[in-house]
Protein backbone atom coordinates (compact mmCIF):
# COMPACT_ATOMS: atom_id res chain seq x y z
CA MET A 1 -8.70 2.95 -11.05
CA ALA A 2 -10.13 -0.30 -9.67
CA GLU A 3 -8.48 -2.68 -7.26
CA GLU A 4 -9.08 -6.39 -7.91
CA ILE A 5 -9.72 -8.82 -5.08
CA ALA A 6 -10.38 -12.55 -4.98
CA ILE A 7 -13.97 -13.64 -4.52
CA ALA A 8 -14.33 -16.10 -1.63
CA ASP A 9 -12.80 -19.49 -2.41
CA GLY A 10 -13.45 -19.36 -6.14
CA GLY A 11 -11.03 -18.31 -8.83
CA ALA A 12 -13.21 -15.33 -9.74
CA ARG A 13 -12.32 -11.74 -8.99
CA ALA A 14 -14.26 -8.59 -8.14
CA LYS A 15 -13.27 -4.96 -8.44
CA LEU A 16 -13.34 -2.28 -5.79
CA ARG A 17 -14.35 0.60 -8.02
CA ASN A 18 -14.29 4.25 -7.10
CA PRO A 19 -17.99 5.18 -6.72
CA LEU A 20 -17.40 8.68 -8.07
CA GLY A 21 -15.49 7.13 -10.97
CA VAL A 22 -18.53 5.02 -11.84
CA VAL A 23 -20.73 8.12 -11.87
CA GLY A 24 -18.19 10.18 -13.80
CA LEU A 25 -17.54 7.56 -16.46
CA SER A 26 -21.26 6.95 -16.88
CA LEU A 27 -21.85 10.67 -17.44
CA ILE A 28 -18.83 11.19 -19.70
CA THR A 29 -19.71 8.22 -21.93
CA LEU A 30 -23.39 9.25 -22.05
CA GLY A 31 -24.46 6.09 -20.24
CA VAL A 32 -22.44 3.51 -22.17
CA TYR A 33 -20.17 2.74 -19.18
CA TYR A 34 -23.29 2.21 -17.05
CA PHE A 35 -24.28 -0.84 -19.10
CA PHE A 36 -20.82 -2.38 -18.80
CA TRP A 37 -20.78 -1.63 -15.07
CA TRP A 38 -24.24 -3.20 -14.70
CA TYR A 39 -23.02 -6.40 -16.38
CA PHE A 40 -19.82 -6.61 -14.34
CA ILE A 41 -21.42 -6.05 -10.92
CA ASN A 42 -24.07 -8.66 -11.68
CA ARG A 43 -21.40 -11.11 -12.86
CA GLU A 44 -19.29 -10.51 -9.74
CA MET A 45 -22.31 -11.07 -7.48
CA ARG A 46 -23.17 -14.25 -9.40
CA ASP A 47 -19.61 -15.51 -8.91
CA LEU A 48 -19.73 -14.82 -5.17
CA GLY A 49 -23.07 -16.63 -4.95
CA ARG A 50 -21.64 -19.67 -6.73
CA ALA A 51 -18.56 -19.69 -4.48
CA ARG A 52 -20.71 -19.46 -1.33
CA GLY A 53 -23.50 -21.79 -2.52
CA THR A 54 -26.27 -19.19 -2.62
CA ASP A 55 -28.27 -17.61 -5.43
CA LEU A 56 -27.06 -14.11 -6.25
CA GLY A 57 -28.19 -14.19 -9.85
CA GLN A 58 -27.61 -16.52 -12.76
CA ASN A 59 -27.25 -14.58 -16.00
CA PRO A 60 -25.79 -11.05 -15.91
CA GLY A 61 -26.46 -10.73 -19.64
CA ASN A 62 -30.19 -10.83 -18.97
CA SER A 63 -29.80 -8.01 -16.45
CA VAL A 64 -28.14 -5.83 -19.07
CA LEU A 65 -30.70 -6.78 -21.69
CA ALA A 66 -33.45 -5.73 -19.28
CA VAL A 67 -31.96 -2.26 -18.66
CA THR A 68 -31.20 -1.66 -22.35
CA LEU A 69 -33.85 -3.06 -24.69
CA GLY A 70 -36.23 -3.87 -21.84
CA ALA A 71 -36.26 -0.20 -20.91
CA LEU A 72 -38.37 0.39 -24.01
CA ILE A 73 -41.17 -1.51 -22.26
CA VAL A 74 -40.16 0.02 -18.88
CA VAL A 75 -41.10 -2.94 -16.66
CA PRO A 76 -38.04 -5.18 -17.34
CA ALA A 77 -35.67 -2.32 -16.48
CA ILE A 78 -37.46 -1.65 -13.20
CA VAL A 79 -37.45 -5.36 -12.33
CA SER A 80 -33.71 -5.59 -13.10
CA MET A 81 -32.98 -2.56 -10.89
CA TRP A 82 -35.05 -4.05 -8.06
CA ARG A 83 -33.38 -7.47 -8.29
CA THR A 84 -29.88 -6.04 -8.55
CA SER A 85 -30.54 -3.81 -5.53
CA ASP A 86 -31.68 -6.89 -3.62
CA ARG A 87 -28.58 -8.80 -4.75
CA ILE A 88 -26.35 -6.01 -3.43
CA GLN A 89 -28.05 -6.32 -0.04
CA ARG A 90 -27.73 -10.13 -0.07
CA THR A 91 -24.09 -9.86 -1.17
CA GLN A 92 -23.37 -7.88 1.96
CA GLU A 93 -25.22 -10.43 4.09
CA VAL A 94 -23.26 -13.32 2.52
CA ALA A 95 -19.99 -11.40 2.98
CA GLY A 96 -20.77 -10.75 6.64
CA VAL A 97 -21.26 -6.99 6.63
CA GLU A 98 -22.85 -6.23 10.01
CA ARG A 99 -25.33 -3.58 8.96
CA GLY A 100 -25.70 -3.90 5.23
CA ALA A 101 -27.38 -1.66 2.73
CA SER A 102 -31.09 -1.68 2.30
CA GLY A 103 -32.06 -2.96 -1.13
CA PRO A 104 -35.12 -0.69 -1.35
CA ILE A 105 -32.98 2.39 -0.67
CA ILE A 106 -30.58 1.45 -3.45
CA PHE A 107 -33.51 0.80 -5.78
CA ILE A 108 -35.18 4.15 -5.05
CA LEU A 109 -31.92 6.02 -5.57
CA LEU A 110 -31.20 4.18 -8.83
CA LEU A 111 -34.71 4.80 -10.08
CA LEU A 112 -35.20 8.42 -9.04
CA ILE A 113 -31.72 9.93 -8.68
CA GLY A 114 -29.56 7.91 -11.08
CA PRO A 115 -26.06 9.28 -10.36
CA VAL A 116 -26.59 9.17 -6.59
CA GLY A 117 -27.91 5.62 -6.96
CA LEU A 118 -24.83 4.56 -8.92
CA TRP A 119 -22.54 6.07 -6.30
CA TYR A 120 -24.42 4.46 -3.41
CA ALA A 121 -24.73 1.04 -5.06
CA GLN A 122 -21.00 0.89 -5.82
CA SER A 123 -19.98 2.09 -2.37
CA GLU A 124 -22.19 -0.60 -0.79
CA LEU A 125 -20.77 -3.26 -3.10
CA ASN A 126 -17.26 -2.19 -2.12
CA LYS A 127 -18.17 -2.86 1.53
CA GLY A 128 -19.27 -6.37 0.61
CA TRP A 129 -16.17 -7.13 -1.45
CA THR A 130 -13.88 -5.83 1.29
CA ALA A 131 -15.68 -7.83 3.99
CA GLN A 132 -15.49 -11.11 2.09
CA ALA A 133 -11.79 -10.72 1.25
CA PRO A 134 -9.38 -12.84 3.35
CA GLY A 135 -8.83 -11.01 6.63
CA GLY A 136 -11.51 -8.47 5.76
CA GLN A 137 -9.04 -6.36 3.80
CA PRO A 138 -8.42 -6.39 0.06
CA ARG A 139 -5.24 -8.14 -0.99
CA LEU A 140 -3.13 -6.93 -3.84
CA PRO A 141 -0.83 -9.31 -5.70
CA GLY A 142 2.50 -9.28 -3.88
CA SER A 143 1.08 -7.62 -0.76
CA GLU A 144 2.35 -10.52 1.35
CA GLN A 145 5.88 -9.12 1.12
CA ALA A 146 7.23 -7.06 3.96
CA ALA A 147 7.15 -3.32 3.54
CA PRO A 148 10.55 -1.63 3.11
CA ALA A 149 12.13 -0.25 6.27
CA PRO A 150 11.67 3.49 6.78
CA PRO A 151 14.77 5.63 6.21
CA PRO A 152 16.83 6.55 9.27
CA PRO A 153 16.08 9.93 10.87
CA PRO A 154 18.21 12.84 9.62
CA GLN A 155 21.36 13.64 11.60
CA PRO A 156 21.62 17.12 13.12
CA GLU A 157 24.25 19.31 11.49
CA ASP A 158 26.82 21.54 13.16
CA SER A 159 27.33 25.22 12.28
CA THR A 160 29.56 24.31 9.31
CA GLY A 161 26.80 22.28 7.67
CA ASN A 162 28.54 18.96 8.29
CA PRO A 163 27.05 16.12 10.32
CA PRO A 164 28.59 15.76 13.80
CA GLU A 165 31.31 13.19 14.22
CA ARG A 166 30.44 10.09 16.14
CA GLN A 167 32.25 9.51 19.38
CA ALA A 168 33.19 5.99 20.32
């Protein structure tokens, strides 16, 4: 479901997740997947920040704590959504995406239209991960090998159903 790519020069990895898969799994699991996703995207952004020498978050566990237990007080959850939206925008800037996402747009979508916000946030993160990958394209393990040669074109058959004989 998700394709792993290397994060910058560090040994960490990020996942290119299907944005509709994130929404679907969050709905099917009644929100449980959302909390795991929230942790993993914040951890991946933190790892990219460390590899590039910039601050893209320090403790993804605190982000999850804010959107779970902190949601009882409301304010911590809103702050976590705002900061994560900003991190997504800064991730794209660090990765070199020309026209990156707007953090406030991601925040508003996450806050007001949850599933659309999840989809948009993940699709914008995927742009950042793809842009920072070597060569701007995600690399799969073993993708350095040459692709197999395509099969030869089919030979025309004569009226008997047999291929024509070659003439020398």
